C-alpha atoms as a PDB file:
ATOM      1  CA  MET A   1      37.113  27.776 -33.325  1.00  0.00           C
ATOM      2  CA  THR A   2      33.967  27.762 -35.429  1.00  0.00           C
ATOM      3  CA  GLN A   3      33.535  25.252 -38.224  1.00  0.00           C
ATOM      4  CA  ILE A   4      31.096  25.876 -41.064  1.00  0.00           C
ATOM      5  CA  THR A   5      30.163  23.292 -43.666  1.00  0.00           C
ATOM      6  CA  ILE A   6      28.775  24.560 -46.963  1.00  0.00           C
ATOM      7  CA  ASN A   7      27.624  22.341 -49.825  1.00  0.00           C
ATOM      8  CA  LEU A   8      27.901  24.108 -53.178  1.00  0.00           C
ATOM      9  CA  PRO A   9      26.626  22.195 -56.204  1.00  0.00           C
ATOM     10  CA  ASN A  10      27.693  24.971 -58.587  1.00  0.00           C
ATOM     11  CA  GLU A  11      31.434  24.936 -59.395  1.00  0.00           C
ATOM     12  CA  ALA A  12      31.476  28.657 -60.261  1.00  0.00           C
ATOM     13  CA  GLU A  13      30.091  29.577 -56.844  1.00  0.00           C
ATOM     14  CA  ALA A  14      32.662  27.362 -55.162  1.00  0.00           C
ATOM     15  CA  LYS A  15      35.520  29.079 -57.036  1.00  0.00           C
ATOM     16  CA  TRP A  16      34.111  32.500 -56.109  1.00  0.00           C
ATOM     17  CA  LEU A  17      33.914  31.549 -52.439  1.00  0.00           C
ATOM     18  CA  VAL A  18      37.455  30.120 -52.437  1.00  0.00           C
ATOM     19  CA  GLU A  19      38.788  33.353 -53.986  1.00  0.00           C
ATOM     20  CA  LEU A  20      36.951  35.406 -51.364  1.00  0.00           C
ATOM     21  CA  LEU A  21      38.314  33.298 -48.497  1.00  0.00           C
ATOM     22  CA  ASN A  22      41.839  33.620 -49.917  1.00  0.00           C
ATOM     23  CA  ARG A  23      41.485  37.415 -50.111  1.00  0.00           C
ATOM     24  CA  LEU A  24      40.255  37.516 -46.526  1.00  0.00           C
ATOM     25  CA  GLN A  25      43.114  35.183 -45.508  1.00  0.00           C
ATOM     26  CA  VAL A  26      40.701  32.786 -43.841  1.00  0.00           C
ATOM     27  CA  PRO A  27      42.073  29.232 -43.483  1.00  0.00           C
ATOM     28  CA  PHE A  28      39.775  26.664 -45.073  1.00  0.00           C
ATOM     29  CA  GLU A  29      39.618  23.127 -46.414  1.00  0.00           C
ATOM     30  CA  VAL A  30      37.836  22.010 -49.539  1.00  0.00           C
ATOM     31  CA  GLU A  31      36.300  18.540 -49.500  1.00  0.00           C
ATOM     32  CA  THR A  32      35.227  16.951 -52.731  1.00  0.00           C
ATOM     33  CA  ASP A  33      32.788  14.153 -53.401  1.00  0.00           C
ATOM     34  CA  GLU A  34      33.586  10.530 -52.530  1.00  0.00           C
ATOM     35  CA  ALA A  35      34.591   9.562 -56.076  1.00  0.00           C
ATOM     36  CA  THR A  36      37.175  12.326 -56.218  1.00  0.00           C
ATOM     37  CA  LYS A  37      38.490  11.439 -52.757  1.00  0.00           C
ATOM     38  CA  ARG A  38      38.933   7.819 -53.787  1.00  0.00           C
ATOM     39  CA  LYS A  39      40.658   8.824 -57.024  1.00  0.00           C
ATOM     40  CA  LEU A  40      43.119  11.061 -55.150  1.00  0.00           C
ATOM     41  CA  ALA A  41      43.802   8.352 -52.559  1.00  0.00           C
ATOM     42  CA  LYS A  42      44.455   5.808 -55.306  1.00  0.00           C
ATOM     43  CA  GLU A  43      46.903   8.193 -57.011  1.00  0.00           C
ATOM     44  CA  ILE A  44      48.794   8.653 -53.741  1.00  0.00           C
ATOM     45  CA  ILE A  45      48.984   4.896 -53.209  1.00  0.00           C
ATOM     46  CA  MET A  46      50.127   4.262 -56.773  1.00  0.00           C
ATOM     47  CA  ARG A  47      52.852   6.920 -56.507  1.00  0.00           C
ATOM     48  CA  GLY A  48      54.168   5.411 -53.293  1.00  0.00           C
ATOM     49  CA  ALA A  49      54.562   1.868 -54.552  1.00  0.00           C
ATOM     50  CA  ASN A  50      57.425   0.973 -56.869  1.00  0.00           C
ATOM     51  CA  THR A  51      55.736  -2.260 -57.882  1.00  0.00           C
ATOM     52  CA  LEU A  52      52.358  -3.808 -57.268  1.00  0.00           C
ATOM     53  CA  ASP A  53      53.152  -7.245 -58.680  1.00  0.00           C
ATOM     54  CA  ALA A  54      53.136  -9.418 -55.563  1.00  0.00           C
ATOM     55  CA  ALA A  55      54.471 -12.480 -57.398  1.00  0.00           C
ATOM     56  CA  GLN A  56      57.437 -10.491 -58.693  1.00  0.00           C
ATOM     57  CA  MET A  57      58.135  -9.110 -55.216  1.00  0.00           C
ATOM     58  CA  GLN A  58      58.013 -12.612 -53.688  1.00  0.00           C
ATOM     59  CA  LYS A  59      60.359 -13.974 -56.354  1.00  0.00           C
ATOM     60  CA  HIS A  60      62.821 -11.146 -55.647  1.00  0.00           C
ATOM     61  CA  VAL A  61      62.756 -11.824 -51.903  1.00  0.00           C
ATOM     62  CA  GLU A  62      63.289 -15.560 -52.426  1.00  0.00           C
ATOM     63  CA  LEU A  63      66.218 -14.909 -54.781  1.00  0.00           C
ATOM     64  CA  ALA A  64      67.798 -12.404 -52.421  1.00  0.00           C
ATOM     65  CA  ARG A  65      67.558 -14.787 -49.458  1.00  0.00           C
ATOM     66  CA  GLN A  66      68.309 -18.137 -51.071  1.00  0.00           C
ATOM     67  CA  ASP A  67      71.961 -18.302 -49.923  1.00  0.00           C
ATOM     68  CA  ARG A  68      71.322 -17.352 -46.310  1.00  0.00           C
ATOM     69  CA  LYS A  69      72.164 -19.804 -43.602  1.00  0.00           C
ATOM     70  CA  LEU A  70      69.011 -20.132 -41.565  1.00  0.00           C
ATOM     71  CA  PRO A  71      68.256 -22.491 -38.687  1.00  0.00           C
ATOM     72  CA  PHE A  72      66.006 -25.456 -39.459  1.00  0.00           C
ATOM     73  CA  ARG A  73      66.605 -25.153 -43.202  1.00  0.00           C
ATOM     74  CA  ALA A  74      67.178 -28.464 -44.923  1.00  0.00           C
ATOM     75  CA  GLU A  75      70.626 -28.448 -46.503  1.00  0.00           C
END
């Protein structure tokens, strides 16, 4: 397999090349700049977490486990 890396500063040229590769049915990957990669990664992380408030999560865990009988717990 041959891998070719092309840096295109012009967005119009990039769209033209992507359309051409699609017409030719050539598999390809588009990599964006670091800022865009970080933004996409942050969006994925934010979508996957139902809450990011650590204090709220800890309070919930403590409430849920307060009536458990555990060894070495002072009663």
